[in-house]
Amino acid sequence: MNRTEFEITLLFIVVFAFGAGCHSGRSVSEGQQSATANSLKSPVNVRPLTDRRFERTPERLARGRYLVNGVGECFACHGPYDLKAPGWPPVRGKEGSGLSGFSSSPGAVAANLTPDRETGIGNWTDDMLARAIREGVNHEGRLIDPTIMPYEFYRSMSDEDLASVIVYLRSIPPIRNALPVSRTPQNIVVPYAIPIYAPLPRPDLSAPVKRGAYLVQLGACQWCHTLRDANRKTLPGLEFAGGDLITTSDANVTSANLTPDPSGISYYAEAQFLKTMHTGKVGARKISPIMPWWFFGQMTDDDLKSIFAYLRTLKPVQHRVDNTEPVGYCRICKRKHHGGALN
């Protein structure tokens, strides 16, 4: 393996989370944890439910299947995954059946998303699901912890894609799987739990960069690759620059700098990006399955190329992250992370 392949491997030992309890859901990063210790700064308005329903069409079913099993990686959280298989794919026959027991987030539960009427979403209305996905309010009207589900990014999901996701979830086999009641911390910070009343049309996806920008939102890339303050606001100047120290029961890693700076991924080639996402390997080296490449590998090459094209347009940020180095204090982000002392 050459030096470039080795460095690329290090960059991809990161977490890219999605869902109500992420694929890395057995743990939450230090940056995410700090947010839950704060009190709500102002009352949160909750949008009343409506009677809207999404018509099932072949086009929506196909699009929803693609989003849920690809960039959305919903079943990386909402169901058990096979620890013995490359990339930790969902356990066959249990996709979407829910999950509990996240070690670093006691009480967190990823809901059963199958249409079972007793233990799943069979009795939930379409608007209950829509409100949870994009506005961070569960079917009972309670706020969802944003350190567990990154709905702040799903807010960008178009109405049509939202309908497609819900139509697809209605179509999967119902699985009876009783889960404990999710316990949300009392003093959570929810600056993005904002009602959505206006229509959200499908964005302009005509150019690769525009499509990539949209997919990056659906994939919640910044949830791990952009540091936040205690109020979940982006640290200025560190967008996509990584540095989030993430501890799981299987690993201790820091999210990568995805900007085109020499300390980021300026040397990364499109072909290698696609190969890595499809195979989980850089050369002969395997990527940690904490990075849910298995789901991104279900995406089309065109969509992956679009994501890569968008990442190339980011402002370069000098912020070195090196998972081969010990955790140390970083003078740039003022946090501790792998290779922090090198900055």
C-alpha atoms as a PDB file:
ATOM      1  CA  MET A   1       0.000   0.000   0.000  1.00  0.00           C
ATOM      2  CA  ASN A   2       1.335   3.441  -0.899  1.00  0.00           C
ATOM      3  CA  ARG A   3       1.228   6.482   1.377  1.00  0.00           C
ATOM      4  CA  THR A   4      -1.837   7.942  -0.324  1.00  0.00           C
ATOM      5  CA  GLU A   5      -3.847   4.753   0.145  1.00  0.00           C
ATOM      6  CA  PHE A   6      -2.785   4.594   3.792  1.00  0.00           C
ATOM      7  CA  GLU A   7      -3.804   8.184   4.467  1.00  0.00           C
ATOM      8  CA  ILE A   8      -7.125   7.679   2.677  1.00  0.00           C
ATOM      9  CA  THR A   9      -7.820   4.688   4.906  1.00  0.00           C
ATOM     10  CA  LEU A  10      -7.266   6.775   8.003  1.00  0.00           C
ATOM     11  CA  LEU A  11      -9.599   9.444   6.726  1.00  0.00           C
ATOM     12  CA  PHE A  12     -12.411   6.977   6.303  1.00  0.00           C
ATOM     13  CA  ILE A  13     -12.294   5.472   9.780  1.00  0.00           C
ATOM     14  CA  VAL A  14     -15.112   7.789  10.721  1.00  0.00           C
ATOM     15  CA  VAL A  15     -18.753   7.760  11.619  1.00  0.00           C
ATOM     16  CA  PHE A  16     -21.532   8.939   9.323  1.00  0.00           C
ATOM     17  CA  ALA A  17     -24.684   8.631  11.329  1.00  0.00           C
ATOM     18  CA  PHE A  18     -28.339   8.456  10.528  1.00  0.00           C
ATOM     19  CA  GLY A  19     -31.534   7.595  12.351  1.00  0.00           C
ATOM     20  CA  ALA A  20     -32.948   7.588  15.825  1.00  0.00           C
ATOM     21  CA  GLY A  21     -29.851   6.022  17.242  1.00  0.00           C
ATOM     22  CA  CYS A  22     -27.124   5.816  14.644  1.00  0.00           C
ATOM     23  CA  HIS A  23     -25.120   2.949  13.148  1.00  0.00           C
ATOM     24  CA  SER A  24     -22.512   4.158  15.574  1.00  0.00           C
ATOM     25  CA  GLY A  25     -25.443   4.360  17.948  1.00  0.00           C
ATOM     26  CA  ARG A  26     -23.755   2.334  20.617  1.00  0.00           C
ATOM     27  CA  SER A  27     -22.004   5.588  21.292  1.00  0.00           C
ATOM     28  CA  VAL A  28     -22.298   9.305  20.790  1.00  0.00           C
ATOM     29  CA  SER A  29     -19.305  11.533  20.180  1.00  0.00           C
ATOM     30  CA  GLU A  30     -17.969  13.829  22.850  1.00  0.00           C
ATOM     31  CA  GLY A  31     -19.151  16.764  20.780  1.00  0.00           C
ATOM     32  CA  GLN A  32     -22.649  15.349  20.606  1.00  0.00           C
ATOM     33  CA  GLN A  33     -22.721  14.514  24.303  1.00  0.00           C
ATOM     34  CA  SER A  34     -21.852  18.032  25.361  1.00  0.00           C
ATOM     35  CA  ALA A  35     -25.058  19.319  23.861  1.00  0.00           C
ATOM     36  CA  THR A  36     -27.365  17.235  26.019  1.00  0.00           C
ATOM     37  CA  ALA A  37     -26.154  18.819  29.228  1.00  0.00           C
ATOM     38  CA  ASN A  38     -27.706  22.186  28.419  1.00  0.00           C
ATOM     39  CA  SER A  39     -31.188  23.472  29.076  1.00  0.00           C
ATOM     40  CA  LEU A  40     -33.646  24.568  26.410  1.00  0.00           C
ATOM     41  CA  LYS A  41     -33.113  28.266  25.714  1.00  0.00           C
ATOM     42  CA  SER A  42     -36.669  28.941  24.550  1.00  0.00           C
ATOM     43  CA  PRO A  43     -39.980  27.137  24.176  1.00  0.00           C
ATOM     44  CA  VAL A  44     -40.316  24.897  21.149  1.00  0.00           C
ATOM     45  CA  ASN A  45     -43.385  25.091  18.935  1.00  0.00           C
ATOM     46  CA  VAL A  46     -44.769  21.753  17.824  1.00  0.00           C
ATOM     47  CA  ARG A  47     -46.755  21.654  14.608  1.00  0.00           C
ATOM     48  CA  PRO A  48     -50.211  20.123  14.959  1.00  0.00           C
ATOM     49  CA  LEU A  49     -50.696  16.966  12.947  1.00  0.00           C
ATOM     50  CA  THR A  50     -52.633  17.053   9.700  1.00  0.00           C
ATOM     51  CA  ASP A  51     -54.541  14.374   7.822  1.00  0.00           C
ATOM     52  CA  ARG A  52     -52.254  14.379   4.800  1.00  0.00           C
ATOM     53  CA  ARG A  53     -51.578  11.037   3.175  1.00  0.00           C
ATOM     54  CA  PHE A  54     -49.010  10.057   0.584  1.00  0.00           C
ATOM     55  CA  GLU A  55     -50.255   8.123  -2.413  1.00  0.00           C
ATOM     56  CA  ARG A  56     -48.388   4.932  -3.146  1.00  0.00           C
ATOM     57  CA  THR A  57     -46.948   4.935  -6.669  1.00  0.00           C
ATOM     58  CA  PRO A  58     -44.301   2.721  -8.316  1.00  0.00           C
ATOM     59  CA  GLU A  59     -42.038   5.753  -8.646  1.00  0.00           C
ATOM     60  CA  ARG A  60     -42.265   6.618  -4.948  1.00  0.00           C
ATOM     61  CA  LEU A  61     -41.765   3.023  -3.922  1.00  0.00           C
ATOM     62  CA  ALA A  62     -38.589   2.754  -5.985  1.00  0.00           C
ATOM     63  CA  ARG A  63     -37.224   6.106  -4.835  1.00  0.00           C
ATOM     64  CA  GLY A  64     -37.991   5.371  -1.201  1.00  0.00           C
ATOM     65  CA  ARG A  65     -36.282   1.974  -1.397  1.00  0.00           C
ATOM     66  CA  TYR A  66     -33.195   3.657  -2.819  1.00  0.00           C
ATOM     67  CA  LEU A  67     -33.073   6.401  -0.180  1.00  0.00           C
ATOM     68  CA  VAL A  68     -33.760   4.193   2.826  1.00  0.00           C
ATOM     69  CA  ASN A  69     -31.245   1.519   1.863  1.00  0.00           C
ATOM     70  CA  GLY A  70     -28.646   3.908   0.482  1.00  0.00           C
ATOM     71  CA  VAL A  71     -27.744   7.433   1.526  1.00  0.00           C
ATOM     72  CA  GLY A  72     -30.454   7.414   4.208  1.00  0.00           C
ATOM     73  CA  GLU A  73     -29.041   4.235   5.815  1.00  0.00           C
ATOM     74  CA  CYS A  74     -32.181   4.069   7.956  1.00  0.00           C
ATOM     75  CA  PHE A  75     -31.768   0.404   8.779  1.00  0.00           C
ATOM     76  CA  ALA A  76     -28.256   0.962  10.062  1.00  0.00           C
ATOM     77  CA  CYS A  77     -29.984   2.239  13.188  1.00  0.00           C
ATOM     78  CA  HIS A  78     -33.508   0.955  13.070  1.00  0.00           C
ATOM     79  CA  GLY A  79     -32.670  -2.716  13.377  1.00  0.00           C
ATOM     80  CA  PRO A  80     -29.883  -5.171  14.242  1.00  0.00           C
ATOM     81  CA  TYR A  81     -26.828  -5.416  12.054  1.00  0.00           C
ATOM     82  CA  ASP A  82     -24.605  -8.389  11.249  1.00  0.00           C
ATOM     83  CA  LEU A  83     -21.300  -7.862  13.045  1.00  0.00           C
ATOM     84  CA  LYS A  84     -19.718 -10.806  11.230  1.00  0.00           C
ATOM     85  CA  ALA A  85     -20.394  -9.517   7.730  1.00  0.00           C
ATOM     86  CA  PRO A  86     -18.291  -6.878   5.939  1.00  0.00           C
ATOM     87  CA  GLY A  87     -19.724  -3.433   6.555  1.00  0.00           C
ATOM     88  CA  TRP A  88     -22.195  -4.626   9.201  1.00  0.00           C
ATOM     89  CA  PRO A  89     -25.257  -4.841   6.940  1.00  0.00           C
ATOM     90  CA  PRO A  90     -28.740  -5.261   8.415  1.00  0.00           C
ATOM     91  CA  VAL A  91     -29.620  -8.728   9.638  1.00  0.00           C
ATOM     92  CA  ARG A  92     -31.718 -10.286   6.893  1.00  0.00           C
ATOM     93  CA  GLY A  93     -35.359 -10.539   7.787  1.00  0.00           C
ATOM     94  CA  LYS A  94     -35.076  -7.959  10.580  1.00  0.00           C
ATOM     95  CA  GLU A  95     -34.605  -4.791   8.552  1.00  0.00           C
ATOM     96  CA  GLY A  96     -36.307  -1.832  10.185  1.00  0.00           C
ATOM     97  CA  SER A  97     -37.451  -3.783  13.238  1.00  0.00           C
ATOM     98  CA  GLY A  98     -35.942  -1.309  15.701  1.00  0.00           C
ATOM     99  CA  LEU A  99     -33.121  -1.394  18.206  1.00  0.00           C
ATOM    100  CA  SER A 100     -32.422  -0.479  21.821  1.00  0.00           C
ATOM    101  CA  GLY A 101     -29.548  -0.798  24.248  1.00  0.00           C
ATOM    102  CA  PHE A 102     -27.170   1.913  23.037  1.00  0.00           C
ATOM    103  CA  SER A 103     -24.391   1.900  25.621  1.00  0.00           C
ATOM    104  CA  SER A 104     -23.577   5.613  25.575  1.00  0.00           C
ATOM    105  CA  SER A 105     -27.176   6.772  25.293  1.00  0.00           C
ATOM    106  CA  PRO A 106     -29.145   4.976  27.992  1.00  0.00           C
ATOM    107  CA  GLY A 107     -32.830   4.977  27.236  1.00  0.00           C
ATOM    108  CA  ALA A 108     -32.428   5.725  23.526  1.00  0.00           C
ATOM    109  CA  VAL A 109     -34.511   3.530  21.235  1.00  0.00           C
ATOM    110  CA  ALA A 110     -34.511   3.382  17.441  1.00  0.00           C
ATOM    111  CA  ALA A 111     -38.168   2.802  16.604  1.00  0.00           C
ATOM    112  CA  ASN A 112     -39.568  -0.224  14.816  1.00  0.00           C
ATOM    113  CA  LEU A 113     -40.200   1.218  11.351  1.00  0.00           C
ATOM    114  CA  THR A 114     -42.052  -1.776   9.976  1.00  0.00           C
ATOM    115  CA  PRO A 115     -45.833  -1.516   9.521  1.00  0.00           C
ATOM    116  CA  ASP A 116     -46.609  -3.832  12.442  1.00  0.00           C
ATOM    117  CA  ARG A 117     -49.697  -2.409  14.164  1.00  0.00           C
ATOM    118  CA  GLU A 118     -48.728  -3.345  17.710  1.00  0.00           C
ATOM    119  CA  THR A 119     -44.992  -2.637  17.862  1.00  0.00           C
ATOM    120  CA  GLY A 120     -44.219  -0.669  14.697  1.00  0.00           C
ATOM    121  CA  ILE A 121     -45.614   2.219  12.674  1.00  0.00           C
ATOM    122  CA  GLY A 122     -48.751   0.443  11.513  1.00  0.00           C
ATOM    123  CA  ASN A 123     -50.970   2.789  13.495  1.00  0.00           C
ATOM    124  CA  TRP A 124     -48.952   5.938  12.864  1.00  0.00           C
ATOM    125  CA  THR A 125     -50.267   8.425  10.353  1.00  0.00           C
ATOM    126  CA  ASP A 126     -48.194   9.618   7.436  1.00  0.00           C
ATOM    127  CA  ASP A 127     -47.888  13.041   9.030  1.00  0.00           C
ATOM    128  CA  MET A 128     -46.627  11.520  12.276  1.00  0.00           C
ATOM    129  CA  LEU A 129     -43.762  10.022  10.316  1.00  0.00           C
ATOM    130  CA  ALA A 130     -43.214  13.189   8.301  1.00  0.00           C
ATOM    131  CA  ARG A 131     -43.062  15.332  11.430  1.00  0.00           C
ATOM    132  CA  ALA A 132     -40.616  12.985  13.132  1.00  0.00           C
ATOM    133  CA  ILE A 133     -38.270  12.757  10.159  1.00  0.00           C
ATOM    134  CA  ARG A 134     -37.988  16.448   9.345  1.00  0.00           C
ATOM    135  CA  GLU A 135     -39.110  18.296  12.467  1.00  0.00           C
ATOM    136  CA  GLY A 136     -37.829  16.156  15.345  1.00  0.00           C
ATOM    137  CA  VAL A 137     -41.161  15.453  17.048  1.00  0.00           C
ATOM    138  CA  ASN A 138     -42.195  11.858  17.622  1.00  0.00           C
ATOM    139  CA  HIS A 139     -45.647  10.361  17.079  1.00  0.00           C
ATOM    140  CA  GLU A 140     -46.632  11.205  20.660  1.00  0.00           C
ATOM    141  CA  GLY A 141     -45.645  14.845  20.320  1.00  0.00           C
ATOM    142  CA  ARG A 142     -42.361  14.579  22.250  1.00  0.00           C
ATOM    143  CA  LEU A 143     -39.108  16.099  21.040  1.00  0.00           C
ATOM    144  CA  ILE A 144     -36.493  13.739  19.628  1.00  0.00           C
ATOM    145  CA  ASP A 145     -32.936  14.087  20.922  1.00  0.00           C
ATOM    146  CA  PRO A 146     -30.909  15.623  18.053  1.00  0.00           C
ATOM    147  CA  THR A 147     -27.765  13.853  19.246  1.00  0.00           C
ATOM    148  CA  ILE A 148     -29.515  10.583  18.414  1.00  0.00           C
ATOM    149  CA  MET A 149     -31.366  11.504  15.220  1.00  0.00           C
ATOM    150  CA  PRO A 150     -29.999  14.179  12.871  1.00  0.00           C
ATOM    151  CA  TYR A 151     -33.328  15.556  11.707  1.00  0.00           C
ATOM    152  CA  GLU A 152     -31.695  18.963  11.387  1.00  0.00           C
ATOM    153  CA  PHE A 153     -30.355  17.720   8.055  1.00  0.00           C
ATOM    154  CA  TYR A 154     -33.476  15.853   6.993  1.00  0.00           C
ATOM    155  CA  ARG A 155     -35.219  19.241   7.065  1.00  0.00           C
ATOM    156  CA  SER A 156     -33.755  19.691   3.586  1.00  0.00           C
ATOM    157  CA  MET A 157     -35.549  16.607   2.270  1.00  0.00           C
ATOM    158  CA  SER A 158     -38.054  17.520  -0.418  1.00  0.00           C
ATOM    159  CA  ASP A 159     -41.731  16.740   0.049  1.00  0.00           C
ATOM    160  CA  GLU A 160     -41.547  14.195  -2.745  1.00  0.00           C
ATOM    161  CA  ASP A 161     -38.572  12.362  -1.257  1.00  0.00           C
ATOM    162  CA  LEU A 162     -40.235  12.451   2.162  1.00  0.00           C
ATOM    163  CA  ALA A 163     -43.345  10.880   0.644  1.00  0.00           C
ATOM    164  CA  SER A 164     -41.202   8.264  -1.084  1.00  0.00           C
ATOM    165  CA  VAL A 165     -39.470   7.244   2.150  1.00  0.00           C
ATOM    166  CA  ILE A 166     -42.792   6.878   3.969  1.00  0.00           C
ATOM    167  CA  VAL A 167     -44.413   4.972   1.102  1.00  0.00           C
ATOM    168  CA  TYR A 168     -41.507   2.533   1.107  1.00  0.00           C
ATOM    169  CA  LEU A 169     -41.614   2.022   4.879  1.00  0.00           C
ATOM    170  CA  ARG A 170     -45.310   1.173   4.552  1.00  0.00           C
ATOM    171  CA  SER A 171     -44.371  -1.550   2.049  1.00  0.00           C
ATOM    172  CA  ILE A 172     -41.823  -3.573   4.015  1.00  0.00           C
ATOM    173  CA  PRO A 173     -42.891  -6.730   5.881  1.00  0.00           C
ATOM    174  CA  PRO A 174     -44.303  -6.075   9.366  1.00  0.00           C
ATOM    175  CA  ILE A 175     -42.144  -7.432  12.171  1.00  0.00           C
ATOM    176  CA  ARG A 176     -43.440  -7.882  15.691  1.00  0.00           C
ATOM    177  CA  ASN A 177     -40.689  -6.521  17.935  1.00  0.00           C
ATOM    178  CA  ALA A 178     -41.683  -4.900  21.209  1.00  0.00           C
ATOM    179  CA  LEU A 179     -39.198  -2.273  22.360  1.00  0.00           C
ATOM    180  CA  PRO A 180     -38.929  -0.304  25.600  1.00  0.00           C
ATOM    181  CA  VAL A 181     -40.231   3.240  25.652  1.00  0.00           C
ATOM    182  CA  SER A 182     -37.560   5.682  24.534  1.00  0.00           C
ATOM    183  CA  ARG A 183     -36.403   7.998  27.301  1.00  0.00           C
ATOM    184  CA  THR A 184     -35.255  11.410  26.085  1.00  0.00           C
ATOM    185  CA  PRO A 185     -33.130  13.631  28.356  1.00  0.00           C
ATOM    186  CA  GLN A 186     -35.145  16.434  29.907  1.00  0.00           C
ATOM    187  CA  ASN A 187     -32.737  19.240  29.059  1.00  0.00           C
ATOM    188  CA  ILE A 188     -31.947  18.713  25.422  1.00  0.00           C
ATOM    189  CA  VAL A 189     -30.914  21.439  22.999  1.00  0.00           C
ATOM    190  CA  VAL A 190     -33.162  21.450  19.941  1.00  0.00           C
ATOM    191  CA  PRO A 191     -32.502  24.543  17.817  1.00  0.00           C
ATOM    192  CA  TYR A 192     -33.626  22.735  14.666  1.00  0.00           C
ATOM    193  CA  ALA A 193     -36.918  21.297  15.926  1.00  0.00           C
ATOM    194  CA  ILE A 194     -38.799  23.867  13.870  1.00  0.00           C
ATOM    195  CA  PRO A 195     -42.247  23.288  12.334  1.00  0.00           C
ATOM    196  CA  ILE A 196     -42.382  23.049   8.559  1.00  0.00           C
ATOM    197  CA  TYR A 197     -45.522  24.515   7.028  1.00  0.00           C
ATOM    198  CA  ALA A 198     -44.423  25.599   3.576  1.00  0.00           C
ATOM    199  CA  PRO A 199     -44.012  23.133   0.691  1.00  0.00           C
ATOM    200  CA  LEU A 200     -40.484  21.894   0.049  1.00  0.00           C
ATOM    201  CA  PRO A 201     -40.130  21.318  -3.698  1.00  0.00           C
ATOM    202  CA  ARG A 202     -37.510  19.031  -5.154  1.00  0.00           C
ATOM    203  CA  PRO A 203     -34.296  21.045  -5.494  1.00  0.00           C
ATOM    204  CA  ASP A 204     -32.436  21.614  -8.737  1.00  0.00           C
ATOM    205  CA  LEU A 205     -30.392  18.439  -9.207  1.00  0.00           C
ATOM    206  CA  SER A 206     -29.349  19.129 -12.787  1.00  0.00           C
ATOM    207  CA  ALA A 207     -25.657  19.608 -12.024  1.00  0.00           C
ATOM    208  CA  PRO A 208     -23.481  17.096 -10.120  1.00  0.00           C
ATOM    209  CA  VAL A 209     -22.437  19.658  -7.505  1.00  0.00           C
ATOM    210  CA  LYS A 210     -26.055  20.621  -6.813  1.00  0.00           C
ATOM    211  CA  ARG A 211     -27.094  16.985  -6.546  1.00  0.00           C
ATOM    212  CA  GLY A 212     -24.125  16.277  -4.278  1.00  0.00           C
ATOM    213  CA  ALA A 213     -25.031  19.164  -1.983  1.00  0.00           C
ATOM    214  CA  TYR A 214     -28.523  17.732  -1.578  1.00  0.00           C
ATOM    215  CA  LEU A 215     -27.312  14.176  -0.979  1.00  0.00           C
ATOM    216  CA  VAL A 216     -24.810  15.369   1.615  1.00  0.00           C
ATOM    217  CA  GLN A 217     -27.753  16.804   3.548  1.00  0.00           C
ATOM    218  CA  LEU A 218     -29.741  13.573   3.297  1.00  0.00           C
ATOM    219  CA  GLY A 219     -26.673  11.669   4.453  1.00  0.00           C
ATOM    220  CA  ALA A 220     -26.156  14.034   7.398  1.00  0.00           C
ATOM    221  CA  CYS A 221     -22.427  14.277   6.659  1.00  0.00           C
ATOM    222  CA  GLN A 222     -21.938  17.305   8.886  1.00  0.00           C
ATOM    223  CA  TRP A 223     -23.431  15.490  11.843  1.00  0.00           C
ATOM    224  CA  CYS A 224     -20.007  13.927  12.337  1.00  0.00           C
ATOM    225  CA  HIS A 225     -17.724  15.978  10.140  1.00  0.00           C
ATOM    226  CA  THR A 226     -18.543  19.444  11.531  1.00  0.00           C
ATOM    227  CA  LEU A 227     -17.936  20.340  15.153  1.00  0.00           C
ATOM    228  CA  ARG A 228     -20.658  22.104  17.188  1.00  0.00           C
ATOM    229  CA  ASP A 229     -20.800  24.194  20.299  1.00  0.00           C
ATOM    230  CA  ALA A 230     -22.963  23.383  23.314  1.00  0.00           C
ATOM    231  CA  ASN A 231     -25.971  24.902  21.558  1.00  0.00           C
ATOM    232  CA  ARG A 232     -25.425  22.721  18.474  1.00  0.00           C
ATOM    233  CA  LYS A 233     -24.267  25.650  16.374  1.00  0.00           C
ATOM    234  CA  THR A 234     -21.485  25.036  13.878  1.00  0.00           C
ATOM    235  CA  LEU A 235     -18.044  26.151  15.029  1.00  0.00           C
ATOM    236  CA  PRO A 236     -17.249  29.005  12.605  1.00  0.00           C
ATOM    237  CA  GLY A 237     -14.670  28.164   9.976  1.00  0.00           C
ATOM    238  CA  LEU A 238     -14.657  24.427  10.703  1.00  0.00           C
ATOM    239  CA  GLU A 239     -17.405  23.238   8.379  1.00  0.00           C
ATOM    240  CA  PHE A 240     -16.647  19.673   7.222  1.00  0.00           C
ATOM    241  CA  ALA A 241     -13.232  19.857   8.898  1.00  0.00           C
ATOM    242  CA  GLY A 242     -13.751  16.830  11.146  1.00  0.00           C
ATOM    243  CA  GLY A 243     -12.290  16.502  14.618  1.00  0.00           C
ATOM    244  CA  ASP A 244     -15.262  14.920  16.369  1.00  0.00           C
ATOM    245  CA  LEU A 245     -13.919  12.284  18.747  1.00  0.00           C
ATOM    246  CA  ILE A 246     -16.259   9.302  18.595  1.00  0.00           C
ATOM    247  CA  THR A 247     -16.092   6.431  21.051  1.00  0.00           C
ATOM    248  CA  THR A 248     -17.994   3.198  20.492  1.00  0.00           C
ATOM    249  CA  SER A 249     -17.887  -0.220  22.052  1.00  0.00           C
ATOM    250  CA  ASP A 250     -15.724  -1.312  19.115  1.00  0.00           C
ATOM    251  CA  ALA A 251     -13.433   1.633  18.423  1.00  0.00           C
ATOM    252  CA  ASN A 252     -12.242   5.074  19.326  1.00  0.00           C
ATOM    253  CA  VAL A 253     -11.886   7.297  16.275  1.00  0.00           C
ATOM    254  CA  THR A 254     -12.049  10.903  15.127  1.00  0.00           C
ATOM    255  CA  SER A 255     -14.067  12.116  12.148  1.00  0.00           C
ATOM    256  CA  ALA A 256     -12.051  13.148   9.124  1.00  0.00           C
ATOM    257  CA  ASN A 257     -11.433  16.529   7.566  1.00  0.00           C
ATOM    258  CA  LEU A 258     -13.371  16.280   4.284  1.00  0.00           C
ATOM    259  CA  THR A 259     -12.299  19.626   2.865  1.00  0.00           C
ATOM    260  CA  PRO A 260      -9.852  19.896  -0.070  1.00  0.00           C
ATOM    261  CA  ASP A 261      -7.070  21.180   2.185  1.00  0.00           C
ATOM    262  CA  PRO A 262      -3.748  19.271   2.303  1.00  0.00           C
ATOM    263  CA  SER A 263      -4.743  18.308   5.854  1.00  0.00           C
ATOM    264  CA  GLY A 264      -8.021  16.986   4.434  1.00  0.00           C
ATOM    265  CA  ILE A 265      -8.696  15.014   1.257  1.00  0.00           C
ATOM    266  CA  SER A 266      -7.140  17.210  -1.410  1.00  0.00           C
ATOM    267  CA  TYR A 267      -5.305  14.208  -2.862  1.00  0.00           C
ATOM    268  CA  TYR A 268      -8.354  11.977  -3.095  1.00  0.00           C
ATOM    269  CA  ALA A 269      -9.349  10.792  -6.589  1.00  0.00           C
ATOM    270  CA  GLU A 270     -12.913  10.213  -7.729  1.00  0.00           C
ATOM    271  CA  ALA A 271     -12.246   6.608  -8.744  1.00  0.00           C
ATOM    272  CA  GLN A 272     -10.842   5.767  -5.329  1.00  0.00           C
ATOM    273  CA  PHE A 273     -13.797   7.414  -3.617  1.00  0.00           C
ATOM    274  CA  LEU A 274     -16.242   5.234  -5.548  1.00  0.00           C
ATOM    275  CA  LYS A 275     -14.228   2.073  -4.977  1.00  0.00           C
ATOM    276  CA  THR A 276     -14.005   2.741  -1.268  1.00  0.00           C
ATOM    277  CA  MET A 277     -17.727   3.347  -0.919  1.00  0.00           C
ATOM    278  CA  HIS A 278     -18.601   0.215  -2.884  1.00  0.00           C
ATOM    279  CA  THR A 279     -16.073  -2.187  -1.352  1.00  0.00           C
ATOM    280  CA  GLY A 280     -15.142  -0.832   2.059  1.00  0.00           C
ATOM    281  CA  LYS A 281     -11.480  -1.031   1.140  1.00  0.00           C
ATOM    282  CA  VAL A 282      -8.614   1.257   0.284  1.00  0.00           C
ATOM    283  CA  GLY A 283      -6.158  -0.926  -1.511  1.00  0.00           C
ATOM    284  CA  ALA A 284      -5.891  -4.052   0.610  1.00  0.00           C
ATOM    285  CA  ARG A 285      -6.873  -2.284   3.805  1.00  0.00           C
ATOM    286  CA  LYS A 286     -10.407  -2.633   5.151  1.00  0.00           C
ATOM    287  CA  ILE A 287     -12.326   0.354   6.435  1.00  0.00           C
ATOM    288  CA  SER A 288     -13.768   0.181   9.910  1.00  0.00           C
ATOM    289  CA  PRO A 289     -17.456  -0.787   9.619  1.00  0.00           C
ATOM    290  CA  ILE A 290     -18.237   2.030  12.033  1.00  0.00           C
ATOM    291  CA  MET A 291     -18.253   4.016   8.803  1.00  0.00           C
ATOM    292  CA  PRO A 292     -21.393   2.482   7.251  1.00  0.00           C
ATOM    293  CA  TRP A 293     -19.943   2.147   3.766  1.00  0.00           C
ATOM    294  CA  TRP A 294     -22.224  -0.833   3.082  1.00  0.00           C
ATOM    295  CA  PHE A 295     -25.199   1.535   2.751  1.00  0.00           C
ATOM    296  CA  PHE A 296     -23.368   4.112   0.666  1.00  0.00           C
ATOM    297  CA  GLY A 297     -22.224   1.264  -1.531  1.00  0.00           C
ATOM    298  CA  GLN A 298     -25.848   0.756  -2.558  1.00  0.00           C
ATOM    299  CA  MET A 299     -25.852   4.171  -4.212  1.00  0.00           C
ATOM    300  CA  THR A 300     -25.339   4.705  -7.920  1.00  0.00           C
ATOM    301  CA  ASP A 301     -21.975   5.794  -9.217  1.00  0.00           C
ATOM    302  CA  ASP A 302     -23.543   9.004 -10.478  1.00  0.00           C
ATOM    303  CA  ASP A 303     -24.755   9.923  -7.003  1.00  0.00           C
ATOM    304  CA  LEU A 304     -21.416   9.074  -5.399  1.00  0.00           C
ATOM    305  CA  LYS A 305     -19.627  11.132  -8.041  1.00  0.00           C
ATOM    306  CA  SER A 306     -21.950  14.016  -7.238  1.00  0.00           C
ATOM    307  CA  ILE A 307     -21.110  13.824  -3.541  1.00  0.00           C
ATOM    308  CA  PHE A 308     -17.423  13.813  -4.371  1.00  0.00           C
ATOM    309  CA  ALA A 309     -17.894  16.767  -6.737  1.00  0.00           C
ATOM    310  CA  TYR A 310     -19.590  18.736  -3.982  1.00  0.00           C
ATOM    311  CA  LEU A 311     -16.868  17.947  -1.435  1.00  0.00           C
ATOM    312  CA  ARG A 312     -14.361  19.357  -3.898  1.00  0.00           C
ATOM    313  CA  THR A 313     -16.131  22.726  -3.768  1.00  0.00           C
ATOM    314  CA  LEU A 314     -15.809  23.138  -0.003  1.00  0.00           C
ATOM    315  CA  LYS A 315     -13.614  25.833   1.449  1.00  0.00           C
ATOM    316  CA  PRO A 316     -10.255  24.277   2.403  1.00  0.00           C
ATOM    317  CA  VAL A 317      -9.796  24.195   6.173  1.00  0.00           C
ATOM    318  CA  GLN A 318      -6.425  23.508   7.755  1.00  0.00           C
ATOM    319  CA  HIS A 319      -7.235  21.058  10.538  1.00  0.00           C
ATOM    320  CA  ARG A 320      -5.176  17.924  10.863  1.00  0.00           C
ATOM    321  CA  VAL A 321      -6.827  14.738  12.064  1.00  0.00           C
ATOM    322  CA  ASP A 322      -4.717  11.583  12.315  1.00  0.00           C
ATOM    323  CA  ASN A 323      -6.170   8.419  13.812  1.00  0.00           C
ATOM    324  CA  THR A 324      -2.710   6.881  14.121  1.00  0.00           C
ATOM    325  CA  GLU A 325      -1.792   9.569  16.645  1.00  0.00           C
ATOM    326  CA  PRO A 326      -2.916   9.709  20.276  1.00  0.00           C
ATOM    327  CA  VAL A 327      -5.773  11.923  21.354  1.00  0.00           C
ATOM    328  CA  GLY A 328      -4.487  15.387  22.154  1.00  0.00           C
ATOM    329  CA  TYR A 329      -5.644  18.963  22.558  1.00  0.00           C
ATOM    330  CA  CYS A 330      -6.113  20.859  19.307  1.00  0.00           C
ATOM    331  CA  ARG A 331      -5.416  24.610  19.297  1.00  0.00           C
ATOM    332  CA  ILE A 332      -7.568  25.094  16.192  1.00  0.00           C
ATOM    333  CA  CYS A 333     -10.856  23.563  17.329  1.00  0.00           C
ATOM    334  CA  LYS A 334     -10.081  23.725  21.057  1.00  0.00           C
ATOM    335  CA  ARG A 335     -11.180  20.110  21.437  1.00  0.00           C
ATOM    336  CA  LYS A 336      -9.355  16.850  21.954  1.00  0.00           C
ATOM    337  CA  HIS A 337      -9.087  14.435  19.059  1.00  0.00           C
ATOM    338  CA  HIS A 338      -6.646  12.058  17.391  1.00  0.00           C
ATOM    339  CA  GLY A 339      -3.668  14.058  16.162  1.00  0.00           C
ATOM    340  CA  GLY A 340      -4.954  17.196  17.839  1.00  0.00           C
ATOM    341  CA  ALA A 341      -1.553  18.054  19.233  1.00  0.00           C
ATOM    342  CA  LEU A 342      -0.180  18.258  15.671  1.00  0.00           C
ATOM    343  CA  ASN A 343      -2.175  21.430  14.960  1.00  0.00           C
END
